[in-house]
Amino acid sequence: MPKRLVAIAIAAYLLFLIIRLPANLLLPLVSTQVTDLKLNGVEGTLWRGRASSVFYDNIYAGELEWEARPLRLLLGQWSAAVQLDGPINARADIGYALTGQINVSNATIDGNLSAVSRYLPQTSVMALQGELSGLIESLVVQQGGLLEIEGTFTLGNLAAGDLSLGDFNAEAATSDDDTKRLVFQSVGREGLDAEGELSLDQQDKITLDLLVRNPGHLGDLSGLFRKFSSEEPDGNRLQWSGDLALLKRFL
């Protein structure tokens, strides 16, 4: 038998053995790369499996299913189509390289923010309502850090308690200096008339630049917003920066 055929036969056999490995072998990889992500009730194989419950930072995310693309293993990458059903639904292609890098592409998300709020800690200030949808073209994570993100999002009927904020569009991108930016703006004439940018740099420093053209729409919060913002011809601008870890303590 030609050596090339022997090599192909051996590679195919090894591939068959790998895809039949138990799915719980994924757990060490997950805990190493995304420390706040927990998979429970894992069953099946690396090829096709599921987790009955997924938690991120102790917040319930839903049920997870995956179906791998075995041939990608020949390129040194475990790749799968995944489906998450929970407060936020998601469909995506996910790849895990031997370097430890996780690549997410062609991800669609949709869900209701009020459903997410039910699973947040009772002390959370993020009791939001509204419909979320989005397309993530690319997202790269390594050792728990976000390296890259590209995507677009929409928020419909956004509200915080009794305060109606309206509809928003947002676009996420990664600049040449590896800063991740989320640029957003309100849509339509009803609700809050605002635009801004939220950025995250390599040192996990968050910067917010928010312009609100009709601060009076904030109701009881309008006075507080005017106090911490600066008045401009087009409205009131709020600028803030802080550490990501500090912000998480209030969410």
C-alpha atoms as a PDB file:
ATOM      1  CA  MET A   1       0.000   0.000   0.000  1.00  0.00           C
ATOM      2  CA  PRO A   2       1.441   3.427  -0.920  1.00  0.00           C
ATOM      3  CA  LYS A   3       2.735   5.424   2.017  1.00  0.00           C
ATOM      4  CA  ARG A   4       0.319   8.255   1.240  1.00  0.00           C
ATOM      5  CA  LEU A   5      -2.681   5.951   1.583  1.00  0.00           C
ATOM      6  CA  VAL A   6      -1.299   4.575   4.828  1.00  0.00           C
ATOM      7  CA  ALA A   7      -0.931   8.097   6.210  1.00  0.00           C
ATOM      8  CA  ILE A   8      -4.488   8.973   5.159  1.00  0.00           C
ATOM      9  CA  ALA A   9      -5.826   5.786   6.759  1.00  0.00           C
ATOM     10  CA  ILE A  10      -4.002   6.507  10.036  1.00  0.00           C
ATOM     11  CA  ALA A  11      -5.207  10.137  10.061  1.00  0.00           C
ATOM     12  CA  ALA A  12      -8.787   9.023   9.429  1.00  0.00           C
ATOM     13  CA  TYR A  13      -8.587   6.454  12.232  1.00  0.00           C
ATOM     14  CA  LEU A  14      -7.169   9.001  14.684  1.00  0.00           C
ATOM     15  CA  LEU A  15      -9.862  11.448  13.634  1.00  0.00           C
ATOM     16  CA  PHE A  16     -12.527   8.844  14.332  1.00  0.00           C
ATOM     17  CA  LEU A  17     -11.081   8.176  17.790  1.00  0.00           C
ATOM     18  CA  ILE A  18     -10.933  11.879  18.657  1.00  0.00           C
ATOM     19  CA  ILE A  19     -14.496  12.698  17.693  1.00  0.00           C
ATOM     20  CA  ARG A  20     -15.714   9.756  19.785  1.00  0.00           C
ATOM     21  CA  LEU A  21     -14.048  11.079  22.943  1.00  0.00           C
ATOM     22  CA  PRO A  22     -16.432  11.982  25.802  1.00  0.00           C
ATOM     23  CA  ALA A  23     -17.741  15.540  25.741  1.00  0.00           C
ATOM     24  CA  ASN A  24     -16.688  16.195  29.340  1.00  0.00           C
ATOM     25  CA  LEU A  25     -13.100  16.437  28.091  1.00  0.00           C
ATOM     26  CA  LEU A  26     -14.118  19.927  26.949  1.00  0.00           C
ATOM     27  CA  LEU A  27     -14.524  21.118  30.532  1.00  0.00           C
ATOM     28  CA  PRO A  28     -10.810  21.685  31.301  1.00  0.00           C
ATOM     29  CA  LEU A  29     -10.423  23.617  28.033  1.00  0.00           C
ATOM     30  CA  VAL A  30     -13.438  25.792  28.814  1.00  0.00           C
ATOM     31  CA  SER A  31     -12.379  26.548  32.385  1.00  0.00           C
ATOM     32  CA  THR A  32      -8.865  27.481  31.226  1.00  0.00           C
ATOM     33  CA  GLN A  33      -9.898  29.882  28.470  1.00  0.00           C
ATOM     34  CA  VAL A  34     -13.086  31.381  29.938  1.00  0.00           C
ATOM     35  CA  THR A  35     -12.779  31.174  33.704  1.00  0.00           C
ATOM     36  CA  ASP A  36     -16.294  32.493  34.431  1.00  0.00           C
ATOM     37  CA  LEU A  37     -17.999  30.003  32.085  1.00  0.00           C
ATOM     38  CA  LYS A  38     -19.432  26.830  33.649  1.00  0.00           C
ATOM     39  CA  LEU A  39     -21.002  23.888  31.799  1.00  0.00           C
ATOM     40  CA  ASN A  40     -23.229  21.490  33.754  1.00  0.00           C
ATOM     41  CA  GLY A  41     -24.866  18.229  32.717  1.00  0.00           C
ATOM     42  CA  VAL A  42     -22.425  17.647  29.856  1.00  0.00           C
ATOM     43  CA  GLU A  43     -23.143  14.545  27.776  1.00  0.00           C
ATOM     44  CA  GLY A  44     -22.361  13.144  24.345  1.00  0.00           C
ATOM     45  CA  THR A  45     -19.043  13.302  22.500  1.00  0.00           C
ATOM     46  CA  LEU A  46     -16.691  15.929  21.124  1.00  0.00           C
ATOM     47  CA  TRP A  47     -18.474  15.418  17.816  1.00  0.00           C
ATOM     48  CA  ARG A  48     -22.033  15.902  19.022  1.00  0.00           C
ATOM     49  CA  GLY A  49     -23.094  16.794  22.551  1.00  0.00           C
ATOM     50  CA  ARG A  50     -24.964  19.093  24.893  1.00  0.00           C
ATOM     51  CA  ALA A  51     -24.813  20.828  28.258  1.00  0.00           C
ATOM     52  CA  SER A  52     -28.087  20.989  30.175  1.00  0.00           C
ATOM     53  CA  SER A  53     -27.185  24.342  31.739  1.00  0.00           C
ATOM     54  CA  VAL A  54     -24.597  27.026  31.075  1.00  0.00           C
ATOM     55  CA  PHE A  55     -23.622  29.747  33.541  1.00  0.00           C
ATOM     56  CA  TYR A  56     -21.437  32.785  32.935  1.00  0.00           C
ATOM     57  CA  ASP A  57     -20.259  34.630  36.034  1.00  0.00           C
ATOM     58  CA  ASN A  58     -22.933  32.655  37.971  1.00  0.00           C
ATOM     59  CA  ILE A  59     -25.665  33.964  35.650  1.00  0.00           C
ATOM     60  CA  TYR A  60     -27.800  31.383  33.844  1.00  0.00           C
ATOM     61  CA  ALA A  61     -27.284  31.487  30.062  1.00  0.00           C
ATOM     62  CA  GLY A  62     -29.349  28.507  28.878  1.00  0.00           C
ATOM     63  CA  GLU A  63     -28.913  25.066  27.308  1.00  0.00           C
ATOM     64  CA  LEU A  64     -26.088  24.393  24.859  1.00  0.00           C
ATOM     65  CA  GLU A  65     -25.839  21.951  21.954  1.00  0.00           C
ATOM     66  CA  TRP A  66     -23.012  21.478  19.447  1.00  0.00           C
ATOM     67  CA  GLU A  67     -22.141  19.479  16.362  1.00  0.00           C
ATOM     68  CA  ALA A  68     -18.483  19.433  15.381  1.00  0.00           C
ATOM     69  CA  ARG A  69     -16.869  19.581  11.971  1.00  0.00           C
ATOM     70  CA  PRO A  70     -14.321  16.738  12.301  1.00  0.00           C
ATOM     71  CA  LEU A  71     -12.238  17.597   9.234  1.00  0.00           C
ATOM     72  CA  ARG A  72     -11.154  20.861  10.893  1.00  0.00           C
ATOM     73  CA  LEU A  73      -9.162  18.731  13.349  1.00  0.00           C
ATOM     74  CA  LEU A  74      -6.735  17.994  10.525  1.00  0.00           C
ATOM     75  CA  LEU A  75      -5.960  21.738  10.549  1.00  0.00           C
ATOM     76  CA  GLY A  76      -5.327  21.722  14.298  1.00  0.00           C
ATOM     77  CA  GLN A  77      -8.678  23.233  15.273  1.00  0.00           C
ATOM     78  CA  TRP A  78     -11.809  21.872  16.931  1.00  0.00           C
ATOM     79  CA  SER A  79     -14.734  23.556  15.194  1.00  0.00           C
ATOM     80  CA  ALA A  80     -18.464  23.202  15.759  1.00  0.00           C
ATOM     81  CA  ALA A  81     -21.850  24.717  15.069  1.00  0.00           C
ATOM     82  CA  VAL A  82     -23.357  25.624  18.443  1.00  0.00           C
ATOM     83  CA  GLN A  83     -26.833  26.548  19.583  1.00  0.00           C
ATOM     84  CA  LEU A  84     -27.699  28.253  22.861  1.00  0.00           C
ATOM     85  CA  ASP A  85     -31.332  28.363  24.014  1.00  0.00           C
ATOM     86  CA  GLY A  86     -32.043  30.516  27.032  1.00  0.00           C
ATOM     87  CA  PRO A  87     -32.856  34.103  28.024  1.00  0.00           C
ATOM     88  CA  ILE A  88     -30.730  35.032  25.002  1.00  0.00           C
ATOM     89  CA  ASN A  89     -30.772  32.644  22.037  1.00  0.00           C
ATOM     90  CA  ALA A  90     -27.658  32.280  19.910  1.00  0.00           C
ATOM     91  CA  ARG A  91     -26.411  30.352  16.886  1.00  0.00           C
ATOM     92  CA  ALA A  92     -22.725  30.462  15.976  1.00  0.00           C
ATOM     93  CA  ASP A  93     -19.697  28.749  14.526  1.00  0.00           C
ATOM     94  CA  ILE A  94     -17.009  28.267  17.175  1.00  0.00           C
ATOM     95  CA  GLY A  95     -13.415  27.152  16.693  1.00  0.00           C
ATOM     96  CA  TYR A  96     -10.834  26.208  19.310  1.00  0.00           C
ATOM     97  CA  ALA A  97      -7.210  26.246  18.125  1.00  0.00           C
ATOM     98  CA  LEU A  98      -4.232  24.442  19.650  1.00  0.00           C
ATOM     99  CA  THR A  99      -2.895  27.858  20.655  1.00  0.00           C
ATOM    100  CA  GLY A 100      -5.829  28.193  23.061  1.00  0.00           C
ATOM    101  CA  GLN A 101      -7.580  30.802  20.961  1.00  0.00           C
ATOM    102  CA  ILE A 102     -11.375  30.692  20.661  1.00  0.00           C
ATOM    103  CA  ASN A 103     -12.891  32.082  17.461  1.00  0.00           C
ATOM    104  CA  VAL A 104     -16.600  32.849  17.091  1.00  0.00           C
ATOM    105  CA  SER A 105     -18.064  33.741  13.710  1.00  0.00           C
ATOM    106  CA  ASN A 106     -21.427  34.098  11.989  1.00  0.00           C
ATOM    107  CA  ALA A 107     -23.169  34.403  15.343  1.00  0.00           C
ATOM    108  CA  THR A 108     -26.781  35.531  15.545  1.00  0.00           C
ATOM    109  CA  ILE A 109     -28.368  36.476  18.859  1.00  0.00           C
ATOM    110  CA  ASP A 110     -31.864  37.445  19.912  1.00  0.00           C
ATOM    111  CA  GLY A 111     -33.763  37.666  23.149  1.00  0.00           C
ATOM    112  CA  ASN A 112     -35.658  39.718  25.676  1.00  0.00           C
ATOM    113  CA  LEU A 113     -33.677  41.764  28.183  1.00  0.00           C
ATOM    114  CA  SER A 114     -36.347  41.364  30.852  1.00  0.00           C
ATOM    115  CA  ALA A 115     -35.796  37.592  30.688  1.00  0.00           C
ATOM    116  CA  VAL A 116     -32.087  38.191  31.278  1.00  0.00           C
ATOM    117  CA  SER A 117     -32.824  40.510  34.212  1.00  0.00           C
ATOM    118  CA  ARG A 118     -34.595  37.691  36.066  1.00  0.00           C
ATOM    119  CA  TYR A 119     -31.294  35.826  36.317  1.00  0.00           C
ATOM    120  CA  LEU A 120     -29.168  38.788  37.406  1.00  0.00           C
ATOM    121  CA  PRO A 121     -28.351  39.334  41.111  1.00  0.00           C
ATOM    122  CA  GLN A 122     -31.070  41.236  42.960  1.00  0.00           C
ATOM    123  CA  THR A 123     -28.548  43.979  43.708  1.00  0.00           C
ATOM    124  CA  SER A 124     -27.911  44.548  39.992  1.00  0.00           C
ATOM    125  CA  VAL A 125     -28.619  47.989  38.586  1.00  0.00           C
ATOM    126  CA  MET A 126     -29.172  46.539  35.112  1.00  0.00           C
ATOM    127  CA  ALA A 127     -32.925  45.846  35.329  1.00  0.00           C
ATOM    128  CA  LEU A 128     -33.535  46.597  31.657  1.00  0.00           C
ATOM    129  CA  GLN A 129     -36.369  45.712  29.298  1.00  0.00           C
ATOM    130  CA  GLY A 130     -36.419  45.481  25.526  1.00  0.00           C
ATOM    131  CA  GLU A 131     -35.722  43.259  22.542  1.00  0.00           C
ATOM    132  CA  LEU A 132     -32.124  42.484  21.581  1.00  0.00           C
ATOM    133  CA  SER A 133     -30.917  41.143  18.241  1.00  0.00           C
ATOM    134  CA  GLY A 134     -27.512  41.099  16.653  1.00  0.00           C
ATOM    135  CA  LEU A 135     -24.986  39.630  14.276  1.00  0.00           C
ATOM    136  CA  ILE A 136     -21.427  38.986  15.451  1.00  0.00           C
ATOM    137  CA  GLU A 137     -19.205  38.550  12.426  1.00  0.00           C
ATOM    138  CA  SER A 138     -16.084  37.845  14.457  1.00  0.00           C
ATOM    139  CA  LEU A 139     -15.177  37.448  18.118  1.00  0.00           C
ATOM    140  CA  VAL A 140     -11.790  36.216  19.367  1.00  0.00           C
ATOM    141  CA  VAL A 141     -10.994  35.237  22.964  1.00  0.00           C
ATOM    142  CA  GLN A 142      -7.774  33.925  24.467  1.00  0.00           C
ATOM    143  CA  GLN A 143      -7.033  33.188  28.122  1.00  0.00           C
ATOM    144  CA  GLY A 144     -10.258  34.900  29.130  1.00  0.00           C
ATOM    145  CA  GLY A 145      -9.389  38.134  27.341  1.00  0.00           C
ATOM    146  CA  LEU A 146     -11.316  39.661  24.457  1.00  0.00           C
ATOM    147  CA  LEU A 147      -8.931  40.155  21.517  1.00  0.00           C
ATOM    148  CA  GLU A 148     -11.334  41.167  18.777  1.00  0.00           C
ATOM    149  CA  ILE A 149     -15.016  41.818  18.101  1.00  0.00           C
ATOM    150  CA  GLU A 150     -16.900  42.891  14.991  1.00  0.00           C
ATOM    151  CA  GLY A 151     -20.692  43.021  14.898  1.00  0.00           C
ATOM    152  CA  THR A 152     -23.942  44.958  14.753  1.00  0.00           C
ATOM    153  CA  PHE A 153     -26.809  45.075  17.246  1.00  0.00           C
ATOM    154  CA  THR A 154     -30.294  46.527  17.645  1.00  0.00           C
ATOM    155  CA  LEU A 155     -32.269  47.239  20.803  1.00  0.00           C
ATOM    156  CA  GLY A 156     -36.005  47.718  20.427  1.00  0.00           C
ATOM    157  CA  ASN A 157     -38.345  49.267  22.995  1.00  0.00           C
ATOM    158  CA  LEU A 158     -35.508  49.714  25.461  1.00  0.00           C
ATOM    159  CA  ALA A 159     -36.653  50.696  28.938  1.00  0.00           C
ATOM    160  CA  ALA A 160     -35.287  50.919  32.468  1.00  0.00           C
ATOM    161  CA  GLY A 161     -38.129  50.428  34.891  1.00  0.00           C
ATOM    162  CA  ASP A 162     -40.875  52.924  33.967  1.00  0.00           C
ATOM    163  CA  LEU A 163     -38.487  55.001  31.851  1.00  0.00           C
ATOM    164  CA  SER A 164     -38.917  54.402  28.106  1.00  0.00           C
ATOM    165  CA  LEU A 165     -35.662  54.894  26.185  1.00  0.00           C
ATOM    166  CA  GLY A 166     -36.749  53.903  22.664  1.00  0.00           C
ATOM    167  CA  ASP A 167     -34.823  52.065  19.935  1.00  0.00           C
ATOM    168  CA  PHE A 168     -31.072  51.931  19.405  1.00  0.00           C
ATOM    169  CA  ASN A 169     -28.596  50.673  16.820  1.00  0.00           C
ATOM    170  CA  ALA A 170     -25.024  49.773  17.749  1.00  0.00           C
ATOM    171  CA  GLU A 171     -21.869  48.654  15.977  1.00  0.00           C
ATOM    172  CA  ALA A 172     -18.908  46.913  17.610  1.00  0.00           C
ATOM    173  CA  ALA A 173     -15.431  47.050  16.094  1.00  0.00           C
ATOM    174  CA  THR A 174     -11.772  46.622  17.034  1.00  0.00           C
ATOM    175  CA  SER A 175      -9.366  49.427  16.126  1.00  0.00           C
ATOM    176  CA  ASP A 176      -5.714  49.125  15.100  1.00  0.00           C
ATOM    177  CA  ASP A 177      -4.546  49.686  18.691  1.00  0.00           C
ATOM    178  CA  ASP A 178      -6.738  46.720  19.823  1.00  0.00           C
ATOM    179  CA  THR A 179      -9.275  48.970  21.526  1.00  0.00           C
ATOM    180  CA  LYS A 180     -12.793  47.536  21.334  1.00  0.00           C
ATOM    181  CA  ARG A 181     -15.422  50.149  20.527  1.00  0.00           C
ATOM    182  CA  LEU A 182     -19.209  50.071  20.663  1.00  0.00           C
ATOM    183  CA  VAL A 183     -20.743  53.016  18.798  1.00  0.00           C
ATOM    184  CA  PHE A 184     -24.485  53.481  19.393  1.00  0.00           C
ATOM    185  CA  GLN A 185     -27.251  55.905  18.514  1.00  0.00           C
ATOM    186  CA  SER A 186     -30.979  56.226  19.032  1.00  0.00           C
ATOM    187  CA  VAL A 187     -33.399  55.568  16.180  1.00  0.00           C
ATOM    188  CA  GLY A 188     -36.686  57.385  15.589  1.00  0.00           C
ATOM    189  CA  ARG A 189     -38.231  60.414  17.196  1.00  0.00           C
ATOM    190  CA  GLU A 190     -39.672  58.761  20.288  1.00  0.00           C
ATOM    191  CA  GLY A 191     -37.649  57.976  23.372  1.00  0.00           C
ATOM    192  CA  LEU A 192     -34.204  59.208  24.280  1.00  0.00           C
ATOM    193  CA  ASP A 193     -32.360  61.174  21.578  1.00  0.00           C
ATOM    194  CA  ALA A 194     -28.775  60.085  22.163  1.00  0.00           C
ATOM    195  CA  GLU A 195     -25.562  58.808  20.652  1.00  0.00           C
ATOM    196  CA  GLY A 196     -22.246  57.727  22.070  1.00  0.00           C
ATOM    197  CA  GLU A 197     -19.302  55.383  22.239  1.00  0.00           C
ATOM    198  CA  LEU A 198     -18.229  52.797  24.792  1.00  0.00           C
ATOM    199  CA  SER A 199     -14.631  51.575  24.518  1.00  0.00           C
ATOM    200  CA  LEU A 200     -12.450  48.969  26.223  1.00  0.00           C
ATOM    201  CA  ASP A 201      -8.659  49.143  25.925  1.00  0.00           C
ATOM    202  CA  GLN A 202      -5.955  46.522  26.478  1.00  0.00           C
ATOM    203  CA  GLN A 203      -5.681  47.438  30.173  1.00  0.00           C
ATOM    204  CA  ASP A 204      -9.424  46.743  30.703  1.00  0.00           C
ATOM    205  CA  LYS A 205     -10.148  50.442  31.068  1.00  0.00           C
ATOM    206  CA  ILE A 206     -13.666  51.430  30.024  1.00  0.00           C
ATOM    207  CA  THR A 207     -14.425  54.857  28.569  1.00  0.00           C
ATOM    208  CA  LEU A 208     -17.923  56.228  27.936  1.00  0.00           C
ATOM    209  CA  ASP A 209     -18.733  59.272  25.819  1.00  0.00           C
ATOM    210  CA  LEU A 210     -22.500  59.915  25.759  1.00  0.00           C
ATOM    211  CA  LEU A 211     -24.408  62.830  24.208  1.00  0.00           C
ATOM    212  CA  VAL A 212     -28.084  63.232  25.144  1.00  0.00           C
ATOM    213  CA  ARG A 213     -29.971  65.842  23.145  1.00  0.00           C
ATOM    214  CA  ASN A 214     -33.139  65.715  25.250  1.00  0.00           C
ATOM    215  CA  PRO A 215     -32.035  65.125  28.867  1.00  0.00           C
ATOM    216  CA  GLY A 216     -35.494  66.145  30.038  1.00  0.00           C
ATOM    217  CA  HIS A 217     -36.736  62.790  28.729  1.00  0.00           C
ATOM    218  CA  LEU A 218     -34.871  61.130  31.608  1.00  0.00           C
ATOM    219  CA  GLY A 219     -37.585  62.310  33.992  1.00  0.00           C
ATOM    220  CA  ASP A 220     -36.533  62.099  37.634  1.00  0.00           C
ATOM    221  CA  LEU A 221     -32.985  61.280  36.518  1.00  0.00           C
ATOM    222  CA  SER A 222     -32.604  64.376  34.349  1.00  0.00           C
ATOM    223  CA  GLY A 223     -31.330  66.532  37.214  1.00  0.00           C
ATOM    224  CA  LEU A 224     -28.722  63.953  38.188  1.00  0.00           C
ATOM    225  CA  PHE A 225     -27.624  63.547  34.562  1.00  0.00           C
ATOM    226  CA  ARG A 226     -27.227  67.320  34.100  1.00  0.00           C
ATOM    227  CA  LYS A 227     -25.172  67.485  37.298  1.00  0.00           C
ATOM    228  CA  PHE A 228     -22.579  64.999  36.062  1.00  0.00           C
ATOM    229  CA  SER A 229     -22.601  66.070  32.396  1.00  0.00           C
ATOM    230  CA  SER A 230     -21.491  69.192  30.589  1.00  0.00           C
ATOM    231  CA  GLU A 231     -23.896  71.347  28.613  1.00  0.00           C
ATOM    232  CA  GLU A 232     -23.212  71.757  24.899  1.00  0.00           C
ATOM    233  CA  PRO A 233     -25.126  73.423  22.042  1.00  0.00           C
ATOM    234  CA  ASP A 234     -26.517  70.027  20.952  1.00  0.00           C
ATOM    235  CA  GLY A 235     -27.373  68.743  24.426  1.00  0.00           C
ATOM    236  CA  ASN A 236     -25.579  67.373  27.483  1.00  0.00           C
ATOM    237  CA  ARG A 237     -22.438  65.241  27.235  1.00  0.00           C
ATOM    238  CA  LEU A 238     -21.394  62.707  29.862  1.00  0.00           C
ATOM    239  CA  GLN A 239     -17.812  61.412  29.836  1.00  0.00           C
ATOM    240  CA  TRP A 240     -16.640  58.710  32.210  1.00  0.00           C
ATOM    241  CA  SER A 241     -13.810  56.206  32.492  1.00  0.00           C
ATOM    242  CA  GLY A 242     -13.092  53.409  34.928  1.00  0.00           C
ATOM    243  CA  ASP A 243     -11.850  49.884  35.423  1.00  0.00           C
ATOM    244  CA  LEU A 244     -13.817  46.921  34.050  1.00  0.00           C
ATOM    245  CA  ALA A 245     -13.446  44.937  37.273  1.00  0.00           C
ATOM    246  CA  LEU A 246     -14.847  47.849  39.268  1.00  0.00           C
ATOM    247  CA  LEU A 247     -17.815  48.175  36.924  1.00  0.00           C
ATOM    248  CA  LYS A 248     -18.657  44.467  37.302  1.00  0.00           C
ATOM    249  CA  ARG A 249     -19.195  44.986  41.021  1.00  0.00           C
ATOM    250  CA  PHE A 250     -22.248  47.130  40.253  1.00  0.00           C
ATOM    251  CA  LEU A 251     -23.793  44.833  37.610  1.00  0.00           C
END
